[in-house]
C-alpha atoms as a PDB file:
ATOM      1  CA  MET A   1    -218.036  18.503-203.988  1.00  0.00           C
ATOM      2  CA  SER A   2    -218.915  19.972-200.565  1.00  0.00           C
ATOM      3  CA  GLN A   3    -216.688  17.494-198.664  1.00  0.00           C
ATOM      4  CA  LEU A   4    -213.651  18.359-200.825  1.00  0.00           C
ATOM      5  CA  SER A   5    -214.056  22.103-201.216  1.00  0.00           C
ATOM      6  CA  ALA A   6    -215.476  23.179-197.862  1.00  0.00           C
ATOM      7  CA  PRO A   7    -212.294  22.471-195.793  1.00  0.00           C
ATOM      8  CA  THR A   8    -210.177  24.460-198.268  1.00  0.00           C
ATOM      9  CA  LEU A   9    -212.282  27.600-197.853  1.00  0.00           C
ATOM     10  CA  PRO A  10    -211.263  30.280-195.334  1.00  0.00           C
ATOM     11  CA  PRO A  11    -213.217  30.390-192.064  1.00  0.00           C
ATOM     12  CA  PHE A  12    -215.022  33.582-193.101  1.00  0.00           C
ATOM     13  CA  ASP A  13    -216.368  31.925-196.256  1.00  0.00           C
ATOM     14  CA  ARG A  14    -217.498  28.808-194.423  1.00  0.00           C
ATOM     15  CA  ASN A  15    -219.252  30.863-191.738  1.00  0.00           C
ATOM     16  CA  LEU A  16    -220.870  33.098-194.377  1.00  0.00           C
ATOM     17  CA  LEU A  17    -222.286  30.092-196.225  1.00  0.00           C
ATOM     18  CA  ALA A  18    -223.479  28.494-192.982  1.00  0.00           C
ATOM     19  CA  VAL A  19    -225.410  31.640-192.015  1.00  0.00           C
ATOM     20  CA  VAL A  20    -226.805  32.675-195.393  1.00  0.00           C
ATOM     21  CA  GLU A  21    -227.889  29.180-196.456  1.00  0.00           C
ATOM     22  CA  ARG A  22    -230.584  29.285-193.762  1.00  0.00           C
ATOM     23  CA  LEU A  23    -232.391  31.832-195.946  1.00  0.00           C
ATOM     24  CA  VAL A  24    -232.535  29.381-198.853  1.00  0.00           C
ATOM     25  CA  PRO A  25    -235.576  27.046-199.063  1.00  0.00           C
ATOM     26  CA  PHE A  26    -234.723  23.651-197.624  1.00  0.00           C
ATOM     27  CA  ALA A  27    -235.374  21.758-200.864  1.00  0.00           C
ATOM     28  CA  GLU A  28    -232.796  23.890-202.729  1.00  0.00           C
ATOM     29  CA  ARG A  29    -230.322  24.400-199.890  1.00  0.00           C
ATOM     30  CA  GLU A  30    -227.880  21.562-200.622  1.00  0.00           C
ATOM     31  CA  GLU A  31    -227.513  22.329-204.334  1.00  0.00           C
ATOM     32  CA  TRP A  32    -227.192  26.061-203.608  1.00  0.00           C
ATOM     33  CA  SER A  33    -224.461  25.445-201.019  1.00  0.00           C
ATOM     34  CA  ARG A  34    -222.456  23.225-203.343  1.00  0.00           C
ATOM     35  CA  ALA A  35    -222.657  25.733-206.189  1.00  0.00           C
ATOM     36  CA  TRP A  36    -221.431  28.634-204.041  1.00  0.00           C
ATOM     37  CA  GLN A  37    -218.674  26.512-202.466  1.00  0.00           C
ATOM     38  CA  ALA A  38    -217.396  25.790-205.960  1.00  0.00           C
ATOM     39  CA  GLU A  39    -217.545  29.476-206.887  1.00  0.00           C
ATOM     40  CA  LEU A  40    -215.648  30.533-203.773  1.00  0.00           C
ATOM     41  CA  TRP A  41    -213.082  27.766-204.176  1.00  0.00           C
ATOM     42  CA  HIS A  42    -212.451  28.835-207.780  1.00  0.00           C
ATOM     43  CA  MET A  43    -212.040  32.447-206.702  1.00  0.00           C
ATOM     44  CA  HIS A  44    -209.455  31.568-204.053  1.00  0.00           C
ATOM     45  CA  GLN A  45    -207.490  29.455-206.545  1.00  0.00           C
ATOM     46  CA  ARG A  46    -206.779  32.502-208.679  1.00  0.00           C
ATOM     47  CA  SER A  47    -203.560  34.362-208.486  1.00  0.00           C
ATOM     48  CA  ASN A  48    -203.616  36.611-205.392  1.00  0.00           C
ATOM     49  CA  ALA A  49    -200.995  39.051-206.601  1.00  0.00           C
ATOM     50  CA  ARG A  50    -203.449  41.932-206.243  1.00  0.00           C
ATOM     51  CA  LEU A  51    -204.674  41.753-202.695  1.00  0.00           C
ATOM     52  CA  ALA A  52    -206.954  44.781-202.938  1.00  0.00           C
ATOM     53  CA  SER A  53    -208.596  43.366-206.031  1.00  0.00           C
ATOM     54  CA  ASN A  54    -209.238  40.079-204.246  1.00  0.00           C
ATOM     55  CA  ARG A  55    -210.814  41.898-201.311  1.00  0.00           C
ATOM     56  CA  LEU A  56    -213.191  43.729-203.629  1.00  0.00           C
ATOM     57  CA  ALA A  57    -214.037  40.464-205.356  1.00  0.00           C
ATOM     58  CA  MET A  58    -214.726  38.836-201.984  1.00  0.00           C
ATOM     59  CA  MET A  59    -217.046  41.693-201.043  1.00  0.00           C
ATOM     60  CA  ASP A  60    -218.916  41.316-204.338  1.00  0.00           C
ATOM     61  CA  PHE A  61    -219.210  37.582-203.758  1.00  0.00           C
ATOM     62  CA  SER A  62    -220.570  38.115-200.233  1.00  0.00           C
ATOM     63  CA  ILE A  63    -223.225  40.507-201.512  1.00  0.00           C
ATOM     64  CA  GLY A  64    -224.040  38.138-204.378  1.00  0.00           C
ATOM     65  CA  ILE A  65    -224.446  35.196-201.996  1.00  0.00           C
ATOM     66  CA  LEU A  66    -226.868  37.150-199.806  1.00  0.00           C
ATOM     67  CA  ARG A  67    -228.891  38.494-202.745  1.00  0.00           C
ATOM     68  CA  ASP A  68    -229.120  35.048-204.308  1.00  0.00           C
ATOM     69  CA  ALA A  69    -230.367  33.478-201.075  1.00  0.00           C
ATOM     70  CA  LEU A  70    -232.932  36.257-200.551  1.00  0.00           C
ATOM     71  CA  TRP A  71    -234.185  35.907-204.121  1.00  0.00           C
ATOM     72  CA  LEU A  72    -234.675  32.159-203.715  1.00  0.00           C
ATOM     73  CA  ARG A  73    -236.570  32.707-200.463  1.00  0.00           C
ATOM     74  CA  THR A  74    -238.846  35.432-201.885  1.00  0.00           C
ATOM     75  CA  ASP A  75    -239.432  33.394-205.045  1.00  0.00           C
ATOM     76  CA  SER A  76    -240.431  30.439-202.862  1.00  0.00           C
ATOM     77  CA  TRP A  77    -242.915  32.651-201.002  1.00  0.00           C
ATOM     78  CA  ARG A  78    -244.231  33.987-204.307  1.00  0.00           C
ATOM     79  CA  ARG A  79    -244.841  30.489-205.677  1.00  0.00           C
ATOM     80  CA  THR A  80    -246.415  29.405-202.388  1.00  0.00           C
ATOM     81  CA  PHE A  81    -248.772  32.334-201.769  1.00  0.00           C
ATOM     82  CA  THR A  82    -249.580  33.721-205.229  1.00  0.00           C
ATOM     83  CA  GLY A  83    -253.290  33.390-205.883  1.00  0.00           C
ATOM     84  CA  THR A  84    -254.138  32.005-202.438  1.00  0.00           C
ATOM     85  CA  PRO A  85    -257.060  33.303-200.340  1.00  0.00           C
ATOM     86  CA  THR A  86    -254.562  34.053-197.561  1.00  0.00           C
ATOM     87  CA  LEU A  87    -252.690  36.521-199.774  1.00  0.00           C
ATOM     88  CA  CYS A  88    -255.980  38.111-200.902  1.00  0.00           C
ATOM     89  CA  ILE A  89    -257.205  38.679-197.331  1.00  0.00           C
ATOM     90  CA  ALA A  90    -253.772  39.865-196.153  1.00  0.00           C
ATOM     91  CA  SER A  91    -253.458  42.308-199.073  1.00  0.00           C
ATOM     92  CA  LEU A  92    -256.875  43.831-198.372  1.00  0.00           C
ATOM     93  CA  PHE A  93    -256.025  44.075-194.680  1.00  0.00           C
ATOM     94  CA  GLY A  94    -252.768  45.857-195.504  1.00  0.00           C
ATOM     95  CA  LEU A  95    -254.598  48.339-197.737  1.00  0.00           C
ATOM     96  CA  ILE A  96    -257.112  49.007-194.954  1.00  0.00           C
ATOM     97  CA  LEU A  97    -254.287  49.688-192.491  1.00  0.00           C
ATOM     98  CA  ALA A  98    -252.583  52.066-194.937  1.00  0.00           C
ATOM     99  CA  ALA A  99    -255.813  53.956-195.661  1.00  0.00           C
ATOM    100  CA  SER A 100    -256.652  54.112-191.942  1.00  0.00           C
ATOM    101  CA  ALA A 101    -253.200  55.503-191.151  1.00  0.00           C
ATOM    102  CA  ILE A 102    -253.822  58.341-193.627  1.00  0.00           C
ATOM    103  CA  THR A 103    -257.184  58.971-191.962  1.00  0.00           C
ATOM    104  CA  LEU A 104    -255.717  59.116-188.452  1.00  0.00           C
ATOM    105  CA  SER A 105    -252.663  61.254-189.211  1.00  0.00           C
ATOM    106  CA  PRO A 106    -254.253  64.758-189.465  1.00  0.00           C
ATOM    107  CA  GLN A 107    -256.646  64.373-186.514  1.00  0.00           C
ATOM    108  CA  ALA A 108    -256.050  66.766-183.654  1.00  0.00           C
ATOM    109  CA  SER A 109    -257.437  64.538-180.905  1.00  0.00           C
ATOM    110  CA  TRP A 110    -259.062  61.176-180.363  1.00  0.00           C
ATOM    111  CA  HIS A 111    -262.325  62.884-179.406  1.00  0.00           C
ATOM    112  CA  SER A 112    -262.632  64.740-182.716  1.00  0.00           C
ATOM    113  CA  LEU A 113    -261.621  61.601-184.579  1.00  0.00           C
ATOM    114  CA  GLY A 114    -264.262  59.503-182.806  1.00  0.00           C
ATOM    115  CA  ALA A 115    -267.019  62.035-183.426  1.00  0.00           C
ATOM    116  CA  SER A 116    -266.139  62.377-187.111  1.00  0.00           C
ATOM    117  CA  LEU A 117    -265.856  58.640-187.739  1.00  0.00           C
ATOM    118  CA  ALA A 118    -269.048  57.804-185.824  1.00  0.00           C
ATOM    119  CA  GLN A 119    -271.100  60.055-188.077  1.00  0.00           C
ATOM    120  CA  GLN A 120    -269.493  58.741-191.265  1.00  0.00           C
ATOM    121  CA  ILE A 121    -269.802  55.093-190.198  1.00  0.00           C
ATOM    122  CA  SER A 122    -273.479  55.535-189.322  1.00  0.00           C
ATOM    123  CA  ARG A 123    -274.255  56.956-192.779  1.00  0.00           C
ATOM    124  CA  SER A 124    -272.241  54.222-194.475  1.00  0.00           C
ATOM    125  CA  PHE A 125    -273.907  51.532-192.357  1.00  0.00           C
ATOM    126  CA  PHE A 126    -277.347  52.496-193.637  1.00  0.00           C
ATOM    127  CA  ALA A 127    -276.069  52.642-197.224  1.00  0.00           C
ATOM    128  CA  ALA A 128    -274.320  49.253-197.093  1.00  0.00           C
ATOM    129  CA  PRO A 129    -277.466  47.054-197.584  1.00  0.00           C
ATOM    130  CA  LEU A 130    -278.461  49.048-200.670  1.00  0.00           C
ATOM    131  CA  ILE A 131    -274.936  48.731-202.033  1.00  0.00           C
ATOM    132  CA  LEU A 132    -274.953  44.965-201.518  1.00  0.00           C
ATOM    133  CA  PHE A 133    -278.341  44.649-203.212  1.00  0.00           C
ATOM    134  CA  VAL A 134    -277.235  46.660-206.253  1.00  0.00           C
ATOM    135  CA  ALA A 135    -273.928  44.784-206.517  1.00  0.00           C
ATOM    136  CA  PHE A 136    -275.546  41.333-206.477  1.00  0.00           C
ATOM    137  CA  ALA A 137    -278.481  42.376-208.656  1.00  0.00           C
ATOM    138  CA  SER A 138    -276.189  43.789-211.343  1.00  0.00           C
ATOM    139  CA  ALA A 139    -273.752  40.850-211.306  1.00  0.00           C
ATOM    140  CA  PRO A 140    -273.718  38.894-214.602  1.00  0.00           C
ATOM    141  CA  SER A 141    -275.978  35.903-213.990  1.00  0.00           C
ATOM    142  CA  ARG A 142    -274.306  33.658-216.543  1.00  0.00           C
ATOM    143  CA  HIS A 143    -271.117  33.573-214.471  1.00  0.00           C
ATOM    144  CA  ILE A 144    -272.870  32.414-211.291  1.00  0.00           C
ATOM    145  CA  GLU A 145    -272.106  28.778-210.524  1.00  0.00           C
ATOM    146  CA  ARG A 146    -275.144  26.511-210.487  1.00  0.00           C
ATOM    147  CA  GLY A 147    -275.731  22.899-209.650  1.00  0.00           C
ATOM    148  CA  PRO A 148    -274.897  20.772-206.597  1.00  0.00           C
ATOM    149  CA  GLN A 149    -271.141  21.431-206.631  1.00  0.00           C
ATOM    150  CA  SER A 150    -271.134  23.894-203.710  1.00  0.00           C
ATOM    151  CA  ARG A 151    -271.973  21.680-200.778  1.00  0.00           C
ATOM    152  CA  GLY A 152    -270.706  20.837-197.333  1.00  0.00           C
ATOM    153  CA  ARG A 153    -267.477  22.245-195.988  1.00  0.00           C
ATOM    154  CA  PHE A 154    -266.361  23.530-199.396  1.00  0.00           C
ATOM    155  CA  TRP A 155    -269.490  25.668-199.631  1.00  0.00           C
ATOM    156  CA  ILE A 156    -268.899  26.962-196.087  1.00  0.00           C
ATOM    157  CA  ARG A 157    -265.286  27.849-196.932  1.00  0.00           C
ATOM    158  CA  GLN A 158    -266.366  29.677-200.081  1.00  0.00           C
ATOM    159  CA  GLN A 159    -269.019  31.695-198.273  1.00  0.00           C
ATOM    160  CA  ALA A 160    -266.720  32.524-195.350  1.00  0.00           C
ATOM    161  CA  PHE A 161    -263.965  33.681-197.703  1.00  0.00           C
ATOM    162  CA  PHE A 162    -266.347  35.792-199.773  1.00  0.00           C
ATOM    163  CA  SER A 163    -267.954  37.321-196.669  1.00  0.00           C
ATOM    164  CA  ALA A 164    -264.545  38.282-195.265  1.00  0.00           C
ATOM    165  CA  LYS A 165    -263.509  39.712-198.626  1.00  0.00           C
ATOM    166  CA  ALA A 166    -266.737  41.712-199.022  1.00  0.00           C
ATOM    167  CA  LEU A 167    -266.479  43.091-195.488  1.00  0.00           C
ATOM    168  CA  GLN A 168    -262.894  44.181-196.086  1.00  0.00           C
ATOM    169  CA  VAL A 169    -263.891  45.810-199.371  1.00  0.00           C
ATOM    170  CA  LEU A 170    -266.554  47.853-197.586  1.00  0.00           C
ATOM    171  CA  LEU A 171    -264.112  48.886-194.856  1.00  0.00           C
ATOM    172  CA  LEU A 172    -261.513  49.838-197.451  1.00  0.00           C
ATOM    173  CA  ALA A 173    -264.084  51.861-199.398  1.00  0.00           C
ATOM    174  CA  LEU A 174    -265.063  53.681-196.204  1.00  0.00           C
ATOM    175  CA  ALA A 175    -261.450  54.508-195.336  1.00  0.00           C
ATOM    176  CA  LEU A 176    -260.657  55.681-198.873  1.00  0.00           C
ATOM    177  CA  SER A 177    -263.787  57.833-199.063  1.00  0.00           C
ATOM    178  CA  VAL A 178    -262.828  59.518-195.789  1.00  0.00           C
ATOM    179  CA  ASP A 179    -259.277  60.097-197.065  1.00  0.00           C
ATOM    180  CA  ILE A 180    -260.536  61.646-200.310  1.00  0.00           C
ATOM    181  CA  CYS A 181    -262.948  64.063-198.648  1.00  0.00           C
ATOM    182  CA  GLN A 182    -260.916  64.853-195.552  1.00  0.00           C
ATOM    183  CA  PRO A 183    -259.322  68.065-196.973  1.00  0.00           C
ATOM    184  CA  LEU A 184    -262.827  69.494-197.590  1.00  0.00           C
ATOM    185  CA  HIS A 185    -264.272  68.592-194.202  1.00  0.00           C
ATOM    186  CA  ARG A 186    -263.183  71.671-192.239  1.00  0.00           C
ATOM    187  CA  ALA A 187    -264.083  74.240-194.890  1.00  0.00           C
ATOM    188  CA  PHE A 188    -267.252  72.620-196.302  1.00  0.00           C
ATOM    189  CA  PRO A 189    -268.540  70.001-193.831  1.00  0.00           C
ATOM    190  CA  ALA A 190    -271.941  69.470-195.509  1.00  0.00           C
ATOM    191  CA  THR A 191    -270.457  69.164-198.991  1.00  0.00           C
ATOM    192  CA  SER A 192    -267.731  66.909-197.637  1.00  0.00           C
ATOM    193  CA  ASP A 193    -270.285  64.567-196.063  1.00  0.00           C
ATOM    194  CA  PHE A 194    -272.218  64.311-199.326  1.00  0.00           C
ATOM    195  CA  PHE A 195    -269.112  63.548-201.388  1.00  0.00           C
ATOM    196  CA  GLN A 196    -267.869  61.091-198.754  1.00  0.00           C
ATOM    197  CA  LEU A 197    -271.086  59.093-199.080  1.00  0.00           C
ATOM    198  CA  PHE A 198    -270.898  59.316-202.873  1.00  0.00           C
ATOM    199  CA  TRP A 199    -267.322  58.000-202.975  1.00  0.00           C
ATOM    200  CA  PHE A 200    -268.178  55.265-200.469  1.00  0.00           C
ATOM    201  CA  VAL A 201    -271.035  54.017-202.654  1.00  0.00           C
ATOM    202  CA  LEU A 202    -268.966  54.204-205.838  1.00  0.00           C
ATOM    203  CA  LEU A 203    -265.877  52.493-204.408  1.00  0.00           C
ATOM    204  CA  SER A 204    -267.991  49.852-202.676  1.00  0.00           C
ATOM    205  CA  LEU A 205    -269.785  48.942-205.906  1.00  0.00           C
ATOM    206  CA  ILE A 206    -266.484  48.699-207.791  1.00  0.00           C
ATOM    207  CA  GLY A 207    -264.917  46.650-205.006  1.00  0.00           C
ATOM    208  CA  LEU A 208    -267.862  44.272-204.674  1.00  0.00           C
ATOM    209  CA  ARG A 209    -267.986  43.698-208.429  1.00  0.00           C
ATOM    210  CA  TRP A 210    -264.301  42.787-208.241  1.00  0.00           C
ATOM    211  CA  ALA A 211    -264.941  40.506-205.255  1.00  0.00           C
ATOM    212  CA  ILE A 212    -267.729  38.669-207.104  1.00  0.00           C
ATOM    213  CA  GLN A 213    -265.626  38.243-210.245  1.00  0.00           C
ATOM    214  CA  ASP A 214    -262.613  37.127-208.217  1.00  0.00           C
ATOM    215  CA  GLN A 215    -264.746  34.578-206.362  1.00  0.00           C
ATOM    216  CA  GLU A 216    -266.021  33.095-209.612  1.00  0.00           C
ATOM    217  CA  GLN A 217    -262.507  32.670-211.003  1.00  0.00           C
ATOM    218  CA  ARG A 218    -261.232  30.626-208.071  1.00  0.00           C
ATOM    219  CA  CYS A 219    -261.008  26.896-207.567  1.00  0.00           C
ATOM    220  CA  LYS A 220    -264.123  25.556-205.849  1.00  0.00           C
ATOM    221  CA  HIS A 221    -261.969  23.167-203.815  1.00  0.00           C
ATOM    222  CA  CYS A 222    -258.936  25.147-202.554  1.00  0.00           C
ATOM    223  CA  LEU A 223    -260.015  28.720-203.469  1.00  0.00           C
ATOM    224  CA  GLN A 224    -256.783  29.199-205.426  1.00  0.00           C
ATOM    225  CA  SER A 225    -256.960  31.689-208.299  1.00  0.00           C
ATOM    226  CA  LEU A 226    -257.480  29.882-211.590  1.00  0.00           C
ATOM    227  CA  ALA A 227    -254.738  30.335-214.169  1.00  0.00           C
ATOM    228  CA  THR A 228    -253.650  29.492-217.727  1.00  0.00           C
ATOM    229  CA  PRO A 229    -256.826  30.586-219.554  1.00  0.00           C
ATOM    230  CA  ALA A 230    -257.233  28.790-222.883  1.00  0.00           C
ATOM    231  CA  ARG A 231    -259.663  29.444-225.727  1.00  0.00           C
ATOM    232  CA  VAL A 232    -261.759  26.431-226.741  1.00  0.00           C
ATOM    233  CA  GLY A 233    -264.047  26.212-229.778  1.00  0.00           C
ATOM    234  CA  ARG A 234    -264.643  28.491-232.740  1.00  0.00           C
ATOM    235  CA  PRO A 235    -266.783  31.656-232.561  1.00  0.00           C
ATOM    236  CA  SER A 236    -268.258  30.946-235.985  1.00  0.00           C
ATOM    237  CA  HIS A 237    -269.714  27.648-234.687  1.00  0.00           C
ATOM    238  CA  ASN A 238    -271.169  29.087-231.495  1.00  0.00           C
ATOM    239  CA  LEU A 239    -274.670  27.732-232.193  1.00  0.00           C
ATOM    240  CA  LEU A 240    -273.358  24.237-232.983  1.00  0.00           C
ATOM    241  CA  GLU A 241    -270.627  23.634-230.417  1.00  0.00           C
ATOM    242  CA  TRP A 242    -269.284  24.992-227.143  1.00  0.00           C
ATOM    243  CA  ASN A 243    -267.174  28.118-227.440  1.00  0.00           C
ATOM    244  CA  GLY A 244    -265.464  29.938-224.614  1.00  0.00           C
ATOM    245  CA  THR A 245    -262.548  29.959-222.170  1.00  0.00           C
ATOM    246  CA  GLU A 246    -261.265  27.311-219.771  1.00  0.00           C
ATOM    247  CA  LEU A 247    -259.306  28.208-216.638  1.00  0.00           C
ATOM    248  CA  ASN A 248    -257.406  25.540-214.689  1.00  0.00           C
ATOM    249  CA  CYS A 249    -256.574  25.115-211.022  1.00  0.00           C
ATOM    250  CA  LYS A 250    -252.795  25.026-210.595  1.00  0.00           C
ATOM    251  CA  ARG A 251    -253.174  22.253-208.006  1.00  0.00           C
ATOM    252  CA  GLY A 252    -255.154  20.058-210.370  1.00  0.00           C
ATOM    253  CA  HIS A 253    -258.535  20.182-208.640  1.00  0.00           C
ATOM    254  CA  GLY A 254    -260.489  21.020-211.797  1.00  0.00           C
ATOM    255  CA  LEU A 255    -261.246  23.627-214.426  1.00  0.00           C
ATOM    256  CA  LEU A 256    -263.840  26.320-215.027  1.00  0.00           C
ATOM    257  CA  SER A 257    -265.554  26.537-218.420  1.00  0.00           C
ATOM    258  CA  VAL A 258    -266.792  30.051-219.171  1.00  0.00           C
ATOM    259  CA  PRO A 259    -268.943  30.388-222.324  1.00  0.00           C
ATOM    260  CA  GLU A 260    -268.181  33.201-224.735  1.00  0.00           C
ATOM    261  CA  MET A 261    -271.854  34.121-225.024  1.00  0.00           C
ATOM    262  CA  GLU A 262    -275.110  32.925-223.495  1.00  0.00           C
ATOM    263  CA  THR A 263    -277.071  30.315-225.465  1.00  0.00           C
ATOM    264  CA  SER A 264    -280.200  28.311-224.704  1.00  0.00           C
ATOM    265  CA  TRP A 265    -278.146  25.200-223.927  1.00  0.00           C
ATOM    266  CA  CYS A 266    -275.225  26.891-222.169  1.00  0.00           C
ATOM    267  CA  GLN A 267    -276.269  29.795-219.965  1.00  0.00           C
ATOM    268  CA  SER A 268    -273.723  29.666-217.138  1.00  0.00           C
ATOM    269  CA  SER A 269    -270.176  28.666-216.335  1.00  0.00           C
ATOM    270  CA  ARG A 270    -269.447  25.065-215.410  1.00  0.00           C
ATOM    271  CA  TRP A 271    -267.010  23.783-212.817  1.00  0.00           C
ATOM    272  CA  ILE A 272    -265.494  20.427-213.825  1.00  0.00           C
ATOM    273  CA  ALA A 273    -263.835  18.717-210.872  1.00  0.00           C
ATOM    274  CA  MET A 274    -260.995  16.220-211.221  1.00  0.00           C
ATOM    275  CA  GLU A 275    -261.130  12.933-209.350  1.00  0.00           C
ATOM    276  CA  GLY A 276    -258.027  10.980-210.163  1.00  0.00           C
ATOM    277  CA  CYS A 277    -258.227  10.281-213.882  1.00  0.00           C
ATOM    278  CA  GLN A 278    -261.994  10.731-213.949  1.00  0.00           C
ATOM    279  CA  LEU A 279    -263.821  13.937-214.773  1.00  0.00           C
ATOM    280  CA  ARG A 280    -266.947  14.706-212.849  1.00  0.00           C
ATOM    281  CA  VAL A 281    -269.155  17.570-213.928  1.00  0.00           C
ATOM    282  CA  ASP A 282    -270.632  19.048-210.742  1.00  0.00           C
END
């Protein structure tokens, strides 16, 4: 198709396809190019009695080619990065930058900004250990993974990812608390400081609870977010058989079994790792 139709296309069309096809993912590039060559060839084979109409159609086709290539590229990025730890860390970092930009915008000078932030950071630094203790102490124990599955480099990766996520959550909570109370700081500095600490504690607890829950619902091998939750068992037979939800790793590393309710023989979630065709309960 491409060898027959490409030479018959005008130079503008051939150059447009050659440039825009670089935006298309490599695996889909050849099929995409052939399809658009056929579309352009069919358009040029029409009757060209109305030149203005053909020019408008060519403009629409050019815009359509570009939009189609951009959609394929963004869809490829979405499928590649959705649920990954990289996207999670990058998203939190972007939120921190946005909240920090709001904090920096109304400051008159760097000196006043440094003095204000130093005081707020010092108060938040002393409150952070208490926040961490409350967040971990109030976390649902039945969702904490147990057993020898978290070992070696996988355990190190999990702890490093969670530590980075928790640190970013605390920084984001600090920036948001400053943004919320900043309008009150000049008029009521003491009240503003109290509410800033209150919002920091509240947002930190909410963020850390999310971080703990997000960590539990990730693959223990690649840290990808688990997907396709499926109900297993019958609630009426909860005392006789397992009943709960199973979440699978999209890359096939295993599944997480989360019980519907705590029983004497099933008190926590289980991670079931896949090894070829064999199932190993870690």
